[in-house]
Amino acid sequence: MISRTDLRKRAKAKLKDAEILYQNRRYDGAVYLSGYVMELILKARTCRTLNWTDFPETNREFQEYRSFKTHNLDILLSLSGLESKIKIYHFVDWSNVNQWNPEMRYSDIGNVTSTEAKDMIDSIKNLMGVIK
């Protein structure tokens, strides 16, 4: 199991990594890593919503919580309990972030522009301030 605190710490560390990738014009990597930042933040929030101290991490730990084993940001947002709030009041940021999926790792390099990467990172930062 991974604690809610550790999920948030990992998210902050990976956001710094995404920013370094962006600064070095590695836009595809910056966007890809940013998506994982949001995944971690949503999982931490789900813990808070469900009054859990930890989130399942291994296959064994997920046995009784299979519906929670996902990388789908829409599903994770729903589990977080903040779906309406985010989609109504933070629609633009959510729209930027929700374009992410873990399969992006197989995309050709050079598909992401500087503007798209900056928008993604900025939206992640904005949503991190809301999703606590």
N, C-alpha and C. Protein backbone atom coordinates (compact mmCIF):
# COMPACT_ATOMS: atom_id res chain seq x y z
N MET A 1 0.85 -1.18 0.00
CA MET A 1 0.00 0.00 0.00
C MET A 1 0.90 1.24 0.00
N ILE A 2 0.38 2.28 -0.59
CA ILE A 2 1.11 3.56 -0.63
C ILE A 2 0.26 4.61 0.08
N SER A 3 0.87 5.33 0.98
CA SER A 3 0.12 6.30 1.77
C SER A 3 -0.30 7.50 0.92
N ARG A 4 -1.36 8.12 1.37
CA ARG A 4 -1.85 9.33 0.71
C ARG A 4 -0.76 10.40 0.68
N THR A 5 -0.02 10.51 1.76
CA THR A 5 1.08 11.49 1.83
C THR A 5 2.14 11.17 0.79
N ASP A 6 2.50 9.90 0.66
CA ASP A 6 3.51 9.51 -0.33
C ASP A 6 3.03 9.72 -1.76
N LEU A 7 1.75 9.50 -2.00
CA LEU A 7 1.20 9.77 -3.33
C LEU A 7 1.40 11.23 -3.70
N ARG A 8 1.10 12.12 -2.78
CA ARG A 8 1.26 13.55 -3.04
C ARG A 8 2.74 13.94 -3.19
N LYS A 9 3.60 13.35 -2.37
CA LYS A 9 5.04 13.62 -2.49
C LYS A 9 5.56 13.19 -3.86
N ARG A 10 5.16 12.01 -4.29
CA ARG A 10 5.58 11.51 -5.60
C ARG A 10 5.04 12.41 -6.71
N ALA A 11 3.82 12.88 -6.55
CA ALA A 11 3.23 13.76 -7.57
C ALA A 11 4.05 15.05 -7.68
N LYS A 12 4.40 15.64 -6.56
CA LYS A 12 5.19 16.87 -6.58
C LYS A 12 6.56 16.65 -7.20
N ALA A 13 7.19 15.53 -6.88
CA ALA A 13 8.50 15.22 -7.44
C ALA A 13 8.41 15.01 -8.95
N LYS A 14 7.38 14.30 -9.40
CA LYS A 14 7.22 14.05 -10.83
C LYS A 14 6.84 15.32 -11.59
N LEU A 15 6.15 16.24 -10.92
CA LEU A 15 5.85 17.52 -11.55
C LEU A 15 7.14 18.30 -11.79
N LYS A 16 8.04 18.27 -10.82
CA LYS A 16 9.34 18.93 -11.02
C LYS A 16 10.09 18.30 -12.19
N ASP A 17 10.02 16.97 -12.29
CA ASP A 17 10.67 16.28 -13.41
C ASP A 17 10.03 16.71 -14.74
N ALA A 18 8.70 16.82 -14.76
CA ALA A 18 8.01 17.25 -15.98
C ALA A 18 8.43 18.66 -16.36
N GLU A 19 8.60 19.53 -15.38
CA GLU A 19 9.02 20.90 -15.65
C GLU A 19 10.44 20.93 -16.23
N ILE A 20 11.31 20.07 -15.72
CA ILE A 20 12.67 19.99 -16.25
C ILE A 20 12.65 19.49 -17.69
N LEU A 21 11.82 18.50 -17.96
CA LEU A 21 11.68 18.02 -19.34
C LEU A 21 11.18 19.15 -20.25
N TYR A 22 10.21 19.91 -19.77
CA TYR A 22 9.69 21.04 -20.55
C TYR A 22 10.79 22.07 -20.83
N GLN A 23 11.52 22.44 -19.80
CA GLN A 23 12.60 23.43 -19.95
C GLN A 23 13.66 22.97 -20.95
N ASN A 24 13.81 21.67 -21.08
CA ASN A 24 14.79 21.11 -22.01
C ASN A 24 14.16 20.69 -23.34
N ARG A 25 12.98 21.24 -23.61
CA ARG A 25 12.26 21.03 -24.87
C ARG A 25 11.91 19.57 -25.14
N ARG A 26 11.72 18.83 -24.09
CA ARG A 26 11.28 17.43 -24.20
C ARG A 26 9.78 17.41 -23.90
N TYR A 27 9.01 18.00 -24.81
CA TYR A 27 7.59 18.26 -24.58
C TYR A 27 6.75 17.00 -24.46
N ASP A 28 7.06 15.99 -25.28
CA ASP A 28 6.31 14.74 -25.20
C ASP A 28 6.46 14.11 -23.81
N GLY A 29 7.69 14.06 -23.34
CA GLY A 29 7.95 13.49 -22.02
C GLY A 29 7.33 14.30 -20.90
N ALA A 30 7.34 15.62 -21.05
CA ALA A 30 6.75 16.49 -20.04
C ALA A 30 5.25 16.24 -19.91
N VAL A 31 4.58 16.10 -21.03
CA VAL A 31 3.14 15.84 -21.01
C VAL A 31 2.85 14.45 -20.45
N TYR A 32 3.61 13.49 -20.92
CA TYR A 32 3.41 12.11 -20.45
C TYR A 32 3.57 12.02 -18.93
N LEU A 33 4.62 12.59 -18.41
CA LEU A 33 4.87 12.54 -16.97
C LEU A 33 3.83 13.35 -16.20
N SER A 34 3.38 14.45 -16.78
CA SER A 34 2.35 15.27 -16.13
C SER A 34 1.06 14.49 -15.91
N GLY A 35 0.74 13.64 -16.86
CA GLY A 35 -0.47 12.81 -16.70
C GLY A 35 -0.38 11.91 -15.49
N TYR A 36 0.80 11.38 -15.25
CA TYR A 36 0.97 10.56 -14.05
C TYR A 36 0.88 11.39 -12.78
N VAL A 37 1.28 12.63 -12.86
CA VAL A 37 1.11 13.54 -11.71
C VAL A 37 -0.37 13.61 -11.35
N MET A 38 -1.21 13.82 -12.34
CA MET A 38 -2.65 13.93 -12.07
C MET A 38 -3.20 12.61 -11.54
N GLU A 39 -2.72 11.51 -12.09
CA GLU A 39 -3.17 10.20 -11.60
C GLU A 39 -2.86 10.05 -10.10
N LEU A 40 -1.66 10.41 -9.70
CA LEU A 40 -1.27 10.31 -8.30
C LEU A 40 -2.10 11.22 -7.41
N ILE A 41 -2.34 12.44 -7.87
CA ILE A 41 -3.14 13.40 -7.10
C ILE A 41 -4.57 12.89 -6.91
N LEU A 42 -5.14 12.34 -7.98
CA LEU A 42 -6.51 11.81 -7.88
C LEU A 42 -6.58 10.59 -6.97
N LYS A 43 -5.57 9.76 -6.99
CA LYS A 43 -5.55 8.60 -6.10
C LYS A 43 -5.42 9.05 -4.64
N ALA A 44 -4.61 10.07 -4.39
CA ALA A 44 -4.49 10.61 -3.03
C ALA A 44 -5.84 11.18 -2.58
N ARG A 45 -6.51 11.88 -3.46
CA ARG A 45 -7.82 12.45 -3.11
C ARG A 45 -8.86 11.36 -2.87
N THR A 46 -8.78 10.29 -3.65
CA THR A 46 -9.70 9.17 -3.45
C THR A 46 -9.52 8.59 -2.06
N CYS A 47 -8.28 8.49 -1.61
CA CYS A 47 -8.02 8.03 -0.24
C CYS A 47 -8.71 8.94 0.77
N ARG A 48 -8.59 10.20 0.57
CA ARG A 48 -9.22 11.16 1.49
C ARG A 48 -10.73 11.01 1.46
N THR A 49 -11.30 10.92 0.26
CA THR A 49 -12.76 10.79 0.11
C THR A 49 -13.28 9.53 0.81
N LEU A 50 -12.54 8.44 0.67
CA LEU A 50 -12.97 7.16 1.24
C LEU A 50 -12.46 6.92 2.65
N ASN A 51 -11.76 7.92 3.20
CA ASN A 51 -11.19 7.83 4.54
C ASN A 51 -10.20 6.67 4.65
N TRP A 52 -9.41 6.48 3.60
CA TRP A 52 -8.34 5.48 3.58
C TRP A 52 -7.02 6.18 3.90
N THR A 53 -6.15 5.51 4.60
CA THR A 53 -4.81 6.06 4.82
C THR A 53 -3.88 5.70 3.67
N ASP A 54 -4.18 4.59 2.99
CA ASP A 54 -3.31 4.10 1.92
C ASP A 54 -4.12 3.71 0.69
N PHE A 55 -3.44 3.69 -0.46
CA PHE A 55 -4.04 3.26 -1.72
C PHE A 55 -3.36 1.96 -2.16
N PRO A 56 -4.12 0.99 -2.66
CA PRO A 56 -3.50 -0.26 -3.12
C PRO A 56 -2.44 0.01 -4.18
N GLU A 57 -1.36 -0.78 -4.13
CA GLU A 57 -0.26 -0.55 -5.05
C GLU A 57 0.10 -1.80 -5.85
N THR A 58 0.03 -2.95 -5.24
CA THR A 58 0.42 -4.19 -5.91
C THR A 58 -0.81 -4.94 -6.40
N ASN A 59 -0.60 -5.91 -7.29
CA ASN A 59 -1.71 -6.74 -7.77
C ASN A 59 -2.44 -7.42 -6.62
N ARG A 60 -1.70 -7.91 -5.67
CA ARG A 60 -2.30 -8.58 -4.51
C ARG A 60 -3.18 -7.62 -3.71
N GLU A 61 -2.69 -6.41 -3.51
CA GLU A 61 -3.47 -5.42 -2.75
C GLU A 61 -4.73 -5.00 -3.49
N PHE A 62 -4.69 -5.07 -4.81
CA PHE A 62 -5.84 -4.68 -5.61
C PHE A 62 -6.90 -5.78 -5.73
N GLN A 63 -6.64 -6.97 -5.24
CA GLN A 63 -7.56 -8.09 -5.43
C GLN A 63 -9.00 -7.74 -5.06
N GLU A 64 -9.19 -7.06 -3.98
CA GLU A 64 -10.55 -6.73 -3.53
C GLU A 64 -11.01 -5.36 -4.03
N TYR A 65 -10.14 -4.66 -4.75
CA TYR A 65 -10.46 -3.32 -5.21
C TYR A 65 -10.17 -3.17 -6.71
N ARG A 66 -10.53 -4.16 -7.49
CA ARG A 66 -10.19 -4.17 -8.93
C ARG A 66 -10.69 -2.93 -9.66
N SER A 67 -11.84 -2.41 -9.27
CA SER A 67 -12.37 -1.24 -9.96
C SER A 67 -11.52 0.01 -9.73
N PHE A 68 -10.64 -0.02 -8.74
CA PHE A 68 -9.77 1.11 -8.45
C PHE A 68 -8.45 1.04 -9.21
N LYS A 69 -8.18 -0.09 -9.85
CA LYS A 69 -6.92 -0.26 -10.58
C LYS A 69 -7.11 0.25 -12.00
N THR A 70 -6.83 1.53 -12.16
CA THR A 70 -7.03 2.17 -13.46
C THR A 70 -6.08 3.34 -13.61
N HIS A 71 -5.80 3.67 -14.86
CA HIS A 71 -5.05 4.88 -15.18
C HIS A 71 -5.97 5.90 -15.83
N ASN A 72 -7.24 5.56 -15.98
CA ASN A 72 -8.21 6.42 -16.64
C ASN A 72 -8.54 7.61 -15.74
N LEU A 73 -8.18 8.80 -16.18
CA LEU A 73 -8.35 9.99 -15.35
C LEU A 73 -9.82 10.31 -15.07
N ASP A 74 -10.70 10.05 -16.03
CA ASP A 74 -12.13 10.28 -15.79
C ASP A 74 -12.67 9.39 -14.67
N ILE A 75 -12.27 8.13 -14.68
CA ILE A 75 -12.70 7.21 -13.62
C ILE A 75 -12.12 7.65 -12.28
N LEU A 76 -10.84 8.00 -12.28
CA LEU A 76 -10.21 8.44 -11.03
C LEU A 76 -10.84 9.73 -10.51
N LEU A 77 -11.21 10.63 -11.41
CA LEU A 77 -11.89 11.86 -10.98
C LEU A 77 -13.23 11.52 -10.34
N SER A 78 -13.94 10.59 -10.92
CA SER A 78 -15.22 10.17 -10.35
C SER A 78 -15.03 9.57 -8.96
N LEU A 79 -14.02 8.72 -8.80
CA LEU A 79 -13.74 8.11 -7.50
C LEU A 79 -13.30 9.13 -6.46
N SER A 80 -12.75 10.24 -6.92
CA SER A 80 -12.25 11.27 -5.99
C SER A 80 -13.37 12.03 -5.29
N GLY A 81 -14.55 11.97 -5.86
CA GLY A 81 -15.67 12.72 -5.28
C GLY A 81 -15.74 14.17 -5.71
N LEU A 82 -14.88 14.57 -6.65
CA LEU A 82 -14.83 15.97 -7.07
C LEU A 82 -15.23 16.19 -8.53
N GLU A 83 -15.81 15.18 -9.15
CA GLU A 83 -16.09 15.25 -10.57
C GLU A 83 -16.92 16.48 -10.96
N SER A 84 -18.03 16.71 -10.29
CA SER A 84 -18.88 17.85 -10.64
C SER A 84 -18.14 19.17 -10.47
N LYS A 85 -17.49 19.33 -9.35
CA LYS A 85 -16.76 20.57 -9.06
C LYS A 85 -15.71 20.85 -10.12
N ILE A 86 -14.92 19.85 -10.46
CA ILE A 86 -13.84 20.04 -11.43
C ILE A 86 -14.39 20.30 -12.82
N LYS A 87 -15.37 19.54 -13.23
CA LYS A 87 -15.88 19.67 -14.59
C LYS A 87 -16.70 20.95 -14.79
N ILE A 88 -17.25 21.48 -13.72
CA ILE A 88 -18.01 22.73 -13.84
C ILE A 88 -17.11 23.95 -13.69
N TYR A 89 -16.30 23.98 -12.64
CA TYR A 89 -15.54 25.18 -12.31
C TYR A 89 -14.11 25.20 -12.88
N HIS A 90 -13.64 24.06 -13.33
CA HIS A 90 -12.27 23.98 -13.83
C HIS A 90 -12.23 23.22 -15.16
N PHE A 91 -13.23 23.50 -15.98
CA PHE A 91 -13.42 22.75 -17.23
C PHE A 91 -12.22 22.84 -18.17
N VAL A 92 -11.68 24.02 -18.36
CA VAL A 92 -10.56 24.19 -19.29
C VAL A 92 -9.35 23.40 -18.81
N ASP A 93 -9.02 23.53 -17.54
CA ASP A 93 -7.88 22.77 -17.01
C ASP A 93 -8.12 21.27 -17.13
N TRP A 94 -9.32 20.82 -16.78
CA TRP A 94 -9.61 19.39 -16.88
C TRP A 94 -9.56 18.92 -18.34
N SER A 95 -10.03 19.73 -19.24
CA SER A 95 -9.98 19.37 -20.66
C SER A 95 -8.54 19.21 -21.14
N ASN A 96 -7.66 20.07 -20.69
CA ASN A 96 -6.24 19.94 -21.04
C ASN A 96 -5.65 18.64 -20.49
N VAL A 97 -5.92 18.38 -19.24
CA VAL A 97 -5.34 17.22 -18.55
C VAL A 97 -5.93 15.91 -19.06
N ASN A 98 -7.21 15.90 -19.31
CA ASN A 98 -7.91 14.67 -19.64
C ASN A 98 -7.59 14.12 -21.03
N GLN A 99 -6.77 14.82 -21.77
CA GLN A 99 -6.33 14.30 -23.07
C GLN A 99 -5.24 13.23 -22.88
N TRP A 100 -4.70 13.15 -21.69
CA TRP A 100 -3.62 12.22 -21.39
C TRP A 100 -4.14 10.79 -21.30
N ASN A 101 -3.31 9.87 -21.71
CA ASN A 101 -3.53 8.46 -21.42
C ASN A 101 -2.17 7.76 -21.41
N PRO A 102 -2.06 6.66 -20.68
CA PRO A 102 -0.75 6.02 -20.54
C PRO A 102 -0.20 5.47 -21.85
N GLU A 103 -1.04 5.31 -22.84
CA GLU A 103 -0.57 4.80 -24.14
C GLU A 103 0.23 5.85 -24.91
N MET A 104 0.26 7.07 -24.41
CA MET A 104 1.05 8.12 -25.06
C MET A 104 2.52 7.75 -25.12
N ARG A 105 2.93 6.84 -24.26
CA ARG A 105 4.34 6.44 -24.26
C ARG A 105 4.75 5.79 -25.57
N TYR A 106 3.79 5.35 -26.35
CA TYR A 106 4.08 4.73 -27.64
C TYR A 106 3.97 5.70 -28.82
N SER A 107 3.58 6.93 -28.55
CA SER A 107 3.40 7.92 -29.61
C SER A 107 4.75 8.35 -30.18
N ASP A 108 4.72 8.76 -31.43
CA ASP A 108 5.93 9.29 -32.06
C ASP A 108 6.40 10.53 -31.31
N ILE A 109 7.70 10.68 -31.22
CA ILE A 109 8.29 11.86 -30.59
C ILE A 109 8.06 13.06 -31.50
N GLY A 110 7.74 14.19 -30.90
CA GLY A 110 7.53 15.41 -31.67
C GLY A 110 6.08 15.74 -31.92
N ASN A 111 5.17 14.98 -31.32
CA ASN A 111 3.73 15.24 -31.50
C ASN A 111 3.22 16.37 -30.62
N VAL A 112 3.94 16.68 -29.55
CA VAL A 112 3.47 17.66 -28.58
C VAL A 112 4.23 18.96 -28.78
N THR A 113 3.49 20.07 -28.85
CA THR A 113 4.11 21.38 -29.02
C THR A 113 4.48 21.97 -27.66
N SER A 114 5.28 23.01 -27.71
CA SER A 114 5.65 23.73 -26.49
C SER A 114 4.41 24.27 -25.79
N THR A 115 3.48 24.82 -26.56
CA THR A 115 2.25 25.38 -25.99
C THR A 115 1.41 24.30 -25.32
N GLU A 116 1.28 23.16 -25.97
CA GLU A 116 0.49 22.06 -25.39
C GLU A 116 1.12 21.57 -24.08
N ALA A 117 2.43 21.47 -24.06
CA ALA A 117 3.11 21.02 -22.85
C ALA A 117 2.96 22.04 -21.72
N LYS A 118 3.11 23.32 -22.06
CA LYS A 118 2.94 24.37 -21.04
C LYS A 118 1.52 24.38 -20.50
N ASP A 119 0.54 24.26 -21.39
CA ASP A 119 -0.86 24.22 -20.96
C ASP A 119 -1.11 23.04 -20.02
N MET A 120 -0.54 21.90 -20.36
CA MET A 120 -0.72 20.71 -19.52
C MET A 120 -0.13 20.93 -18.14
N ILE A 121 1.10 21.41 -18.08
CA ILE A 121 1.75 21.62 -16.79
C ILE A 121 1.01 22.68 -15.98
N ASP A 122 0.62 23.76 -16.62
CA ASP A 122 -0.13 24.81 -15.91
C ASP A 122 -1.47 24.28 -15.39
N SER A 123 -2.14 23.49 -16.20
CA SER A 123 -3.43 22.93 -15.77
C SER A 123 -3.25 21.97 -14.60
N ILE A 124 -2.20 21.18 -14.65
CA ILE A 124 -1.90 20.26 -13.53
C ILE A 124 -1.69 21.07 -12.26
N LYS A 125 -0.91 22.13 -12.34
CA LYS A 125 -0.66 22.97 -11.17
C LYS A 125 -1.96 23.57 -10.63
N ASN A 126 -2.79 24.08 -11.53
CA ASN A 126 -4.06 24.66 -11.11
C ASN A 126 -4.93 23.62 -10.40
N LEU A 127 -5.02 22.45 -10.99
CA LEU A 127 -5.88 21.40 -10.40
C LEU A 127 -5.30 20.86 -9.10
N MET A 128 -3.98 20.84 -8.99
CA MET A 128 -3.38 20.39 -7.72
C MET A 128 -3.79 21.30 -6.56
N GLY A 129 -4.01 22.56 -6.87
CA GLY A 129 -4.45 23.50 -5.84
C GLY A 129 -5.89 23.28 -5.41
N VAL A 130 -6.66 22.62 -6.24
CA VAL A 130 -8.08 22.39 -5.98
C VAL A 130 -8.31 20.98 -5.41
N ILE A 131 -7.56 20.02 -5.92
CA ILE A 131 -7.73 18.62 -5.51
C ILE A 131 -6.80 18.34 -4.35
N LYS A 132 -7.33 18.38 -3.17
CA LYS A 132 -6.50 18.19 -1.96
C LYS A 132 -6.98 17.01 -1.17
